[in-house]
Amino acid sequence: GACGSSTLACNLAYHALQAGTARILLADLDPLTGTIPFLLKLKSSYSFVDALTRHHSMDEDIWRGLVANWHGIEVLLSPEQPAHGIDLQSEASALLQFAAMTYDLVITD
């Protein structure tokens, strides 16, 4: 933490959009102290934790309800309250596979 990776991820997504990348996902996968929602001033009722719990039945309609839009970049937010006990290494692979098939560029933080 506190090394600037969230700032770098946000700037990378923005510059990729400016360079013409069509579909971009910026995903804040920090279950405890995610800062991308704060940096981009985004709020959502859903976070990547909701996406993890629905990954078995994920489709485009469910996904659209889980992501927020920021200037043409789709953002999968971290939870507002810390979410303890999440094993990202084993649970996030299906989520990231879905994202890789859906987007031209996926940036994770």
C-alpha atoms as a PDB file:
ATOM      1  CA  GLY A   1       0.000   0.000   0.000  1.00  0.00           C
ATOM      2  CA  ALA A   2       0.779   3.685  -0.365  1.00  0.00           C
ATOM      3  CA  CYS A   3       3.069   3.153  -3.345  1.00  0.00           C
ATOM      4  CA  GLY A   4       0.896   4.848  -5.974  1.00  0.00           C
ATOM      5  CA  SER A   5      -0.439   1.771  -7.783  1.00  0.00           C
ATOM      6  CA  SER A   6      -4.057   3.013  -7.719  1.00  0.00           C
ATOM      7  CA  THR A   7      -3.042   6.380  -9.153  1.00  0.00           C
ATOM      8  CA  LEU A   8      -0.983   4.626 -11.804  1.00  0.00           C
ATOM      9  CA  ALA A   9      -3.873   2.266 -12.681  1.00  0.00           C
ATOM     10  CA  CYS A  10      -6.322   5.174 -13.038  1.00  0.00           C
ATOM     11  CA  ASN A  11      -3.918   7.134 -15.238  1.00  0.00           C
ATOM     12  CA  LEU A  12      -3.134   4.103 -17.370  1.00  0.00           C
ATOM     13  CA  ALA A  13      -6.849   3.514 -17.984  1.00  0.00           C
ATOM     14  CA  TYR A  14      -7.418   7.165 -18.878  1.00  0.00           C
ATOM     15  CA  HIS A  15      -4.474   7.292 -21.282  1.00  0.00           C
ATOM     16  CA  ALA A  16      -5.525   4.016 -22.907  1.00  0.00           C
ATOM     17  CA  LEU A  17      -8.945   5.546 -23.523  1.00  0.00           C
ATOM     18  CA  GLN A  18      -7.329   8.640 -25.026  1.00  0.00           C
ATOM     19  CA  ALA A  19      -5.209   6.387 -27.253  1.00  0.00           C
ATOM     20  CA  GLY A  20      -8.355   4.799 -28.667  1.00  0.00           C
ATOM     21  CA  THR A  21      -8.767   1.580 -26.706  1.00  0.00           C
ATOM     22  CA  ALA A  22     -12.460   0.776 -27.057  1.00  0.00           C
ATOM     23  CA  ARG A  23     -13.517  -1.216 -23.998  1.00  0.00           C
ATOM     24  CA  ILE A  24     -11.552  -0.750 -20.790  1.00  0.00           C
ATOM     25  CA  LEU A  25     -12.131  -2.254 -17.363  1.00  0.00           C
ATOM     26  CA  LEU A  26     -10.431  -0.755 -14.325  1.00  0.00           C
ATOM     27  CA  ALA A  27     -10.851  -3.158 -11.410  1.00  0.00           C
ATOM     28  CA  ASP A  28     -10.015  -2.297  -7.805  1.00  0.00           C
ATOM     29  CA  LEU A  29      -9.551  -5.734  -6.249  1.00  0.00           C
ATOM     30  CA  ASP A  30      -8.453  -4.564  -2.814  1.00  0.00           C
ATOM     31  CA  PRO A  31     -10.980  -5.968  -0.317  1.00  0.00           C
ATOM     32  CA  LEU A  32      -9.666  -3.933   2.605  1.00  0.00           C
ATOM     33  CA  THR A  33      -8.462  -0.505   1.513  1.00  0.00           C
ATOM     34  CA  GLY A  34      -9.380   0.021  -2.135  1.00  0.00           C
ATOM     35  CA  THR A  35      -8.928   3.657  -3.133  1.00  0.00           C
ATOM     36  CA  ILE A  36     -10.089   3.844  -6.748  1.00  0.00           C
ATOM     37  CA  PRO A  37     -13.683   4.678  -5.772  1.00  0.00           C
ATOM     38  CA  PHE A  38     -12.309   7.585  -3.717  1.00  0.00           C
ATOM     39  CA  LEU A  39      -9.913   8.762  -6.440  1.00  0.00           C
ATOM     40  CA  LEU A  40     -12.623   8.745  -9.129  1.00  0.00           C
ATOM     41  CA  LYS A  41     -15.416   9.897  -6.772  1.00  0.00           C
ATOM     42  CA  LEU A  42     -17.553   6.859  -7.599  1.00  0.00           C
ATOM     43  CA  LYS A  43     -20.151   5.115  -5.472  1.00  0.00           C
ATOM     44  CA  SER A  44     -21.996   1.935  -6.188  1.00  0.00           C
ATOM     45  CA  SER A  45     -24.164  -0.484  -4.300  1.00  0.00           C
ATOM     46  CA  TYR A  46     -21.992  -3.269  -5.723  1.00  0.00           C
ATOM     47  CA  SER A  47     -18.325  -4.180  -5.656  1.00  0.00           C
ATOM     48  CA  PHE A  48     -16.047  -6.868  -7.001  1.00  0.00           C
ATOM     49  CA  VAL A  49     -17.114  -8.994  -4.009  1.00  0.00           C
ATOM     50  CA  ASP A  50     -20.607  -9.167  -5.537  1.00  0.00           C
ATOM     51  CA  ALA A  51     -19.064 -10.139  -8.864  1.00  0.00           C
ATOM     52  CA  LEU A  52     -17.113 -12.939  -7.169  1.00  0.00           C
ATOM     53  CA  THR A  53     -20.245 -14.348  -5.571  1.00  0.00           C
ATOM     54  CA  ARG A  54     -22.058 -14.320  -8.936  1.00  0.00           C
ATOM     55  CA  HIS A  55     -19.238 -15.523 -11.175  1.00  0.00           C
ATOM     56  CA  HIS A  56     -20.962 -18.872 -11.840  1.00  0.00           C
ATOM     57  CA  SER A  57     -23.984 -17.171 -13.401  1.00  0.00           C
ATOM     58  CA  MET A  58     -22.284 -14.078 -14.827  1.00  0.00           C
ATOM     59  CA  ASP A  59     -23.645 -12.639 -18.059  1.00  0.00           C
ATOM     60  CA  GLU A  60     -23.612  -9.209 -19.728  1.00  0.00           C
ATOM     61  CA  ASP A  61     -26.797  -8.023 -17.969  1.00  0.00           C
ATOM     62  CA  ILE A  62     -25.554  -8.865 -14.481  1.00  0.00           C
ATOM     63  CA  TRP A  63     -22.133  -7.404 -15.280  1.00  0.00           C
ATOM     64  CA  ARG A  64     -23.612  -4.057 -16.429  1.00  0.00           C
ATOM     65  CA  GLY A  65     -25.274  -3.725 -13.037  1.00  0.00           C
ATOM     66  CA  LEU A  66     -22.009  -4.386 -11.175  1.00  0.00           C
ATOM     67  CA  VAL A  67     -19.713  -1.888 -12.886  1.00  0.00           C
ATOM     68  CA  ALA A  68     -19.708   1.893 -12.703  1.00  0.00           C
ATOM     69  CA  ASN A  69     -18.866   4.119 -15.645  1.00  0.00           C
ATOM     70  CA  TRP A  70     -16.257   6.862 -15.439  1.00  0.00           C
ATOM     71  CA  HIS A  71     -15.810   8.891 -18.641  1.00  0.00           C
ATOM     72  CA  GLY A  72     -16.185   5.797 -20.822  1.00  0.00           C
ATOM     73  CA  ILE A  73     -14.128   3.479 -18.617  1.00  0.00           C
ATOM     74  CA  GLU A  74     -15.996   0.732 -16.796  1.00  0.00           C
ATOM     75  CA  VAL A  75     -14.882   0.420 -13.183  1.00  0.00           C
ATOM     76  CA  LEU A  76     -15.335  -2.548 -10.880  1.00  0.00           C
ATOM     77  CA  LEU A  77     -15.143  -1.020  -7.422  1.00  0.00           C
ATOM     78  CA  SER A  78     -13.757  -2.234  -4.143  1.00  0.00           C
ATOM     79  CA  PRO A  79     -16.255  -2.595  -1.280  1.00  0.00           C
ATOM     80  CA  GLU A  80     -17.017   0.475   0.853  1.00  0.00           C
ATOM     81  CA  GLN A  81     -16.547  -1.544   4.028  1.00  0.00           C
ATOM     82  CA  PRO A  82     -13.552  -3.874   4.393  1.00  0.00           C
ATOM     83  CA  ALA A  83     -14.328  -7.441   3.311  1.00  0.00           C
ATOM     84  CA  HIS A  84     -12.241  -9.900   5.303  1.00  0.00           C
ATOM     85  CA  GLY A  85     -11.650 -13.547   4.388  1.00  0.00           C
ATOM     86  CA  ILE A  86     -11.600 -13.224   0.613  1.00  0.00           C
ATOM     87  CA  ASP A  87      -9.121 -15.498  -1.161  1.00  0.00           C
ATOM     88  CA  LEU A  88      -8.570 -13.543  -4.365  1.00  0.00           C
ATOM     89  CA  GLN A  89      -6.111 -15.992  -5.884  1.00  0.00           C
ATOM     90  CA  SER A  90      -8.587 -18.838  -6.041  1.00  0.00           C
ATOM     91  CA  GLU A  91     -11.812 -16.872  -6.477  1.00  0.00           C
ATOM     92  CA  ALA A  92     -10.879 -14.174  -8.984  1.00  0.00           C
ATOM     93  CA  SER A  93      -9.716 -16.312 -11.912  1.00  0.00           C
ATOM     94  CA  ALA A  94     -13.216 -16.895 -13.340  1.00  0.00           C
ATOM     95  CA  LEU A  95     -14.041 -13.227 -12.896  1.00  0.00           C
ATOM     96  CA  LEU A  96     -10.876 -12.150 -14.714  1.00  0.00           C
ATOM     97  CA  GLN A  97     -11.490 -14.680 -17.496  1.00  0.00           C
ATOM     98  CA  PHE A  98     -14.948 -13.181 -18.044  1.00  0.00           C
ATOM     99  CA  ALA A  99     -13.431  -9.686 -18.085  1.00  0.00           C
ATOM    100  CA  ALA A 100     -10.708 -10.711 -20.542  1.00  0.00           C
ATOM    101  CA  MET A 101     -13.344 -11.979 -22.984  1.00  0.00           C
ATOM    102  CA  THR A 102     -15.427  -8.812 -22.597  1.00  0.00           C
ATOM    103  CA  TYR A 103     -12.844  -6.002 -22.690  1.00  0.00           C
ATOM    104  CA  ASP A 104      -9.992  -4.924 -24.928  1.00  0.00           C
ATOM    105  CA  LEU A 105      -7.957  -3.952 -21.846  1.00  0.00           C
ATOM    106  CA  VAL A 106      -8.311  -5.015 -18.208  1.00  0.00           C
ATOM    107  CA  ILE A 107      -6.347  -3.068 -15.592  1.00  0.00           C
ATOM    108  CA  THR A 108      -6.376  -4.473 -12.062  1.00  0.00           C
ATOM    109  CA  ASP A 109      -5.275  -2.797  -8.885  1.00  0.00           C
END
